[in-house]
Amino acid sequence: DEIAHLVDKMSIDEKVGQMTQIDISMIVGPDRALDKDKLRHWLEKYKVGSFLNSPFAARDCNDGGPTGWTAAEWRAIVSQVQEEAQRLGLPPIIFGIDSIHGATYVRGATLFGQQIALAATFDRGLAQSVGAVTGRDTIAAGIPWLFSPVLGIATQPAWARVYETFGEDPFVAAELGASLIKGIQADSGDAQLPRAAACMKHYLAYSHPESGQDRAPTFLPEQQIIDQYLRPFAAAVDAGVASAMTSYNEVNGMP
């Protein structure tokens, strides 16, 4: 097996690097241009295997200028990163990004309403179409990994991220989440574009922090977690979701 052979050849440092993902802001300058010295530092010293986010993510909305990179600009950055990794003899770098309601970090891409609005349509076909467009626009920017969909059940109204979910009904979240995944991971019809990979998140019960604050502890009966909060994730697995993101909180005292 070619992959097993590559892994066997890796040092411990290289394996740790492959499991490390850092924010793209670590390799760009104040002008949001790629800083090749910073890139070389992270690849050569730490063997970093993955980057996420956009350097425009924390941008002040009152600032002038562009709100993000176009697909062509993204591809140029990704190409330079891959070329440097290849020069250093490292595996290809994986890029991932939050494309939650369209490719929101790709300037000029199609944007849709938030997931809570999509849930209000109760339309599986529409959800799949939204996923297909989102996957196409993201992969066109050279980014194959979408941190989407959000499959938390919105049962804590004080939580600030309710709008990112499909609402409080586990059945609706399961059905529309599975449809969105099928759309994201579908063949785009363009032979030059690979298929995108969806990422179900945040596993598990992240959406019910007791205090209402994001990333705060969740306390729920285990049976309720299984009956309600697990259901959309099980449906996502059945739909063939390519990856999963864990939550950032503790559940019933367990990290």
Protein backbone atom coordinates (compact mmCIF):
# COMPACT_ATOMS: atom_id res chain seq x y z
CA ASP A 1 0.00 0.00 0.00
CA GLU A 2 1.54 3.28 -1.15
CA ILE A 3 0.14 5.37 1.72
CA ALA A 4 1.31 2.91 4.38
CA HIS A 5 4.76 2.92 2.76
CA LEU A 6 4.93 6.73 2.91
CA VAL A 7 3.85 6.78 6.55
CA ASP A 8 6.41 4.13 7.49
CA LYS A 9 9.15 6.31 6.02
CA MET A 10 8.18 9.35 8.10
CA SER A 11 10.03 10.43 11.23
CA ILE A 12 8.13 11.23 14.44
CA ASP A 13 8.57 14.95 13.71
CA GLU A 14 7.09 14.51 10.24
CA LYS A 15 4.11 12.56 11.60
CA VAL A 16 3.43 15.22 14.23
CA GLY A 17 3.70 17.89 11.54
CA GLN A 18 1.22 16.06 9.34
CA MET A 19 -1.31 16.15 12.19
CA THR A 20 -0.75 19.87 12.75
CA GLN A 21 -3.00 22.50 11.20
CA ILE A 22 -2.26 26.22 11.62
CA ASP A 23 -4.05 29.40 10.64
CA ILE A 24 -3.07 30.80 7.26
CA SER A 25 -2.36 34.15 8.93
CA MET A 26 0.89 32.55 10.15
CA ILE A 27 2.29 32.55 6.61
CA VAL A 28 1.09 35.89 5.24
CA GLY A 29 2.33 39.42 5.88
CA PRO A 30 0.45 42.57 6.98
CA ASP A 31 -0.49 43.15 3.34
CA ARG A 32 -2.04 39.65 3.23
CA ALA A 33 0.50 38.52 0.66
CA LEU A 34 2.23 35.17 1.08
CA ASP A 35 5.41 35.52 3.14
CA LYS A 36 7.72 32.83 1.77
CA ASP A 37 10.14 33.11 4.69
CA LYS A 38 7.34 32.40 7.16
CA LEU A 39 6.07 29.56 4.97
CA ARG A 40 9.54 28.01 4.75
CA HIS A 41 9.88 28.27 8.54
CA TRP A 42 6.70 26.33 9.24
CA LEU A 43 7.29 23.71 6.56
CA GLU A 44 11.00 23.18 7.05
CA LYS A 45 11.15 23.29 10.85
CA TYR A 46 7.76 21.93 11.86
CA LYS A 47 6.69 19.93 8.76
CA VAL A 48 3.19 21.41 9.06
CA GLY A 49 0.70 19.45 6.99
CA SER A 50 -2.34 21.69 6.83
CA PHE A 51 -3.55 25.30 6.80
CA LEU A 52 -7.00 26.70 7.48
CA ASN A 53 -8.93 29.92 7.40
CA SER A 54 -8.58 33.12 5.39
CA PRO A 55 -6.36 36.10 6.28
CA PHE A 56 -9.49 38.23 5.85
CA ALA A 57 -11.45 36.33 8.54
CA ALA A 58 -10.74 38.88 11.28
CA ARG A 59 -10.99 41.88 8.96
CA ASP A 60 -12.66 45.00 10.33
CA CYS A 61 -15.77 45.60 8.23
CA ASN A 62 -15.09 49.34 8.37
CA ASP A 63 -11.79 48.86 6.55
CA GLY A 64 -11.64 49.60 2.86
CA GLY A 65 -10.21 47.32 0.23
CA PRO A 66 -11.01 43.73 -0.76
CA THR A 67 -12.96 41.42 1.52
CA GLY A 68 -11.14 38.28 0.43
CA TRP A 69 -9.14 36.53 -2.28
CA THR A 70 -10.80 35.57 -5.54
CA ALA A 71 -10.67 31.94 -6.66
CA ALA A 72 -7.72 32.76 -8.93
CA GLU A 73 -5.86 34.49 -6.09
CA TRP A 74 -6.50 31.55 -3.78
CA ARG A 75 -5.18 29.12 -6.39
CA ALA A 76 -2.02 31.18 -6.81
CA ILE A 77 -1.37 31.08 -3.05
CA VAL A 78 -2.14 27.36 -2.81
CA SER A 79 0.15 26.61 -5.76
CA GLN A 80 3.06 28.48 -4.17
CA VAL A 81 2.57 26.60 -0.90
CA GLN A 82 2.44 23.24 -2.68
CA GLU A 83 5.54 24.06 -4.71
CA GLU A 84 7.50 24.87 -1.55
CA ALA A 85 6.31 21.65 0.14
CA GLN A 86 7.36 19.65 -2.90
CA ARG A 87 10.75 21.35 -2.95
CA LEU A 88 11.28 20.30 0.67
CA GLY A 89 10.21 16.74 -0.05
CA LEU A 90 7.02 17.00 2.04
CA PRO A 91 3.61 15.51 1.22
CA PRO A 92 1.03 17.83 -0.38
CA ILE A 93 -0.43 20.42 1.99
CA ILE A 94 -4.13 20.19 2.83
CA PHE A 95 -6.16 23.41 2.92
CA GLY A 96 -9.47 23.61 4.78
CA ILE A 97 -11.94 26.45 5.22
CA ASP A 98 -15.36 27.30 6.65
CA SER A 99 -17.72 27.30 3.68
CA ILE A 100 -20.92 27.26 5.72
CA HIS A 101 -23.43 29.08 3.51
CA GLY A 102 -21.56 29.23 0.26
CA ALA A 103 -17.83 29.72 -0.26
CA THR A 104 -17.87 32.75 2.03
CA TYR A 105 -14.11 33.28 1.96
CA VAL A 106 -13.87 33.26 -1.84
CA ARG A 107 -14.57 36.71 -3.26
CA GLY A 108 -17.10 36.51 -6.06
CA ALA A 109 -18.52 33.14 -5.02
CA THR A 110 -22.25 32.51 -4.62
CA LEU A 111 -23.50 33.14 -1.08
CA PHE A 112 -26.62 31.62 0.44
CA GLY A 113 -28.67 32.15 3.57
CA GLN A 114 -27.46 30.62 6.83
CA GLN A 115 -28.34 26.99 7.64
CA ILE A 116 -31.25 28.06 9.84
CA ALA A 117 -32.84 29.67 6.76
CA LEU A 118 -32.19 26.57 4.67
CA ALA A 119 -33.87 24.49 7.38
CA ALA A 120 -36.99 26.64 7.06
CA THR A 121 -37.41 25.40 3.47
CA PHE A 122 -37.59 21.71 4.52
CA ASP A 123 -36.26 21.03 1.03
CA ARG A 124 -33.71 18.21 0.68
CA GLY A 125 -33.17 18.92 -3.01
CA LEU A 126 -32.42 22.58 -2.35
CA ALA A 127 -29.97 21.64 0.39
CA GLN A 128 -28.15 19.32 -1.99
CA SER A 129 -28.00 22.04 -4.65
CA VAL A 130 -26.61 24.53 -2.14
CA GLY A 131 -23.98 21.96 -1.17
CA ALA A 132 -23.04 21.36 -4.82
CA VAL A 133 -22.52 25.06 -5.54
CA THR A 134 -20.61 25.57 -2.29
CA GLY A 135 -18.36 22.60 -2.99
CA ARG A 136 -17.71 23.72 -6.57
CA ASP A 137 -16.87 27.31 -5.60
CA THR A 138 -14.55 26.19 -2.81
CA ILE A 139 -12.70 23.56 -4.81
CA ALA A 140 -12.33 26.07 -7.65
CA ALA A 141 -10.24 28.14 -5.22
CA GLY A 142 -7.88 25.19 -4.74
CA ILE A 143 -9.35 24.26 -1.34
CA PRO A 144 -10.69 20.69 -1.21
CA TRP A 145 -11.81 20.54 2.42
CA LEU A 146 -14.99 22.29 3.61
CA PHE A 147 -15.71 22.58 7.34
CA SER A 148 -19.41 22.10 6.74
CA PRO A 149 -22.16 21.30 7.67
CA VAL A 150 -22.88 22.31 11.28
CA LEU A 151 -24.95 19.46 12.73
CA GLY A 152 -25.54 20.69 16.26
CA ILE A 153 -29.13 20.73 17.53
CA ALA A 154 -30.11 24.27 18.56
CA THR A 155 -31.69 23.67 21.97
CA GLN A 156 -29.89 26.45 23.84
CA PRO A 157 -31.39 29.80 22.70
CA ALA A 158 -28.66 31.76 24.51
CA TRP A 159 -25.96 30.16 22.35
CA ALA A 160 -24.61 32.69 19.85
CA ARG A 161 -24.31 30.22 16.95
CA VAL A 162 -27.93 29.06 16.63
CA TYR A 163 -28.15 30.63 13.17
CA GLU A 164 -25.42 28.28 11.90
CA THR A 165 -27.51 25.18 12.66
CA PHE A 166 -30.51 23.51 11.05
CA GLY A 167 -32.56 24.30 14.15
CA GLU A 168 -33.87 22.24 17.05
CA ASP A 169 -35.35 19.23 15.22
CA PRO A 170 -32.96 16.24 14.96
CA PHE A 171 -34.86 14.82 11.98
CA VAL A 172 -34.62 18.06 9.99
CA ALA A 173 -30.93 18.44 10.84
CA ALA A 174 -30.24 14.82 9.88
CA GLU A 175 -32.08 14.98 6.56
CA LEU A 176 -30.82 18.38 5.38
CA GLY A 177 -27.32 17.75 6.71
CA ALA A 178 -27.07 14.52 4.73
CA SER A 179 -28.37 16.28 1.62
CA LEU A 180 -25.87 19.13 1.99
CA ILE A 181 -23.03 16.61 2.32
CA LYS A 182 -24.11 14.74 -0.80
CA GLY A 183 -24.08 18.03 -2.69
CA ILE A 184 -20.68 19.13 -1.41
CA GLN A 185 -19.07 15.80 -2.25
CA ALA A 186 -20.79 15.30 -5.60
CA ASP A 187 -18.95 15.21 -8.90
CA SER A 188 -18.84 18.82 -10.12
CA GLY A 189 -18.95 17.77 -13.76
CA ASP A 190 -15.62 19.48 -14.38
CA ALA A 191 -12.92 16.92 -15.13
CA GLN A 192 -10.25 19.36 -13.94
CA LEU A 193 -11.78 19.73 -10.47
CA PRO A 194 -11.45 16.96 -7.88
CA ARG A 195 -14.32 16.20 -5.52
CA ALA A 196 -14.58 18.25 -2.35
CA ALA A 197 -14.63 16.74 1.15
CA ALA A 198 -17.28 17.77 3.66
CA CYS A 199 -16.65 17.88 7.41
CA MET A 200 -19.47 17.30 9.89
CA LYS A 201 -19.18 19.40 13.05
CA HIS A 202 -19.03 19.83 15.99
CA TYR A 203 -19.05 16.34 17.49
CA LEU A 204 -20.85 16.10 19.97
CA ALA A 205 -23.49 18.15 21.86
CA TYR A 206 -21.46 21.32 21.30
CA SER A 207 -24.63 23.29 20.61
CA HIS A 208 -26.01 23.08 24.16
CA PRO A 209 -23.53 24.85 26.47
CA GLU A 210 -25.14 25.22 29.86
CA SER A 211 -24.13 28.89 30.16
CA GLY A 212 -25.00 29.73 26.55
CA GLN A 213 -21.42 30.83 25.93
CA ASP A 214 -19.60 29.35 22.96
CA ARG A 215 -17.18 26.51 23.83
CA ALA A 216 -18.57 26.27 27.36
CA PRO A 217 -19.30 22.91 29.10
CA THR A 218 -22.37 20.88 28.19
CA PHE A 219 -24.32 18.84 30.73
CA LEU A 220 -26.99 16.53 29.29
CA PRO A 221 -28.31 13.04 30.07
CA GLU A 222 -26.47 10.44 27.99
CA GLN A 223 -29.71 9.03 26.57
CA GLN A 224 -30.76 12.49 25.38
CA ILE A 225 -27.40 12.95 23.68
CA ILE A 226 -27.84 9.65 21.86
CA ASP A 227 -31.49 10.21 20.93
CA GLN A 228 -31.20 13.84 19.79
CA TYR A 229 -27.69 15.13 19.30
CA LEU A 230 -26.13 12.04 17.75
CA ARG A 231 -28.81 11.54 15.11
CA PRO A 232 -27.59 14.10 12.50
CA PHE A 233 -24.02 12.79 12.79
CA ALA A 234 -25.16 9.21 12.24
CA ALA A 235 -27.05 10.36 9.14
CA ALA A 236 -23.93 12.19 7.93
CA VAL A 237 -21.87 9.01 8.23
CA ASP A 238 -24.52 7.11 6.30
CA ALA A 239 -24.33 9.83 3.61
CA GLY A 240 -20.59 9.19 3.26
CA VAL A 241 -19.20 12.32 4.92
CA ALA A 242 -15.43 12.44 4.43
CA SER A 243 -14.37 13.90 7.77
CA ALA A 244 -15.45 15.13 11.19
CA MET A 245 -14.53 17.98 13.52
CA THR A 246 -14.65 17.46 17.26
CA SER A 247 -16.18 20.06 19.56
CA TYR A 248 -14.13 22.49 21.66
CA ASN A 249 -15.90 21.89 24.93
CA GLU A 250 -16.39 19.23 27.57
CA VAL A 251 -19.52 17.09 27.78
CA ASN A 252 -20.60 15.93 31.23
CA GLY A 253 -17.12 16.65 32.54
CA MET A 254 -15.28 14.78 29.78
CA PRO A 255 -13.10 16.84 27.38
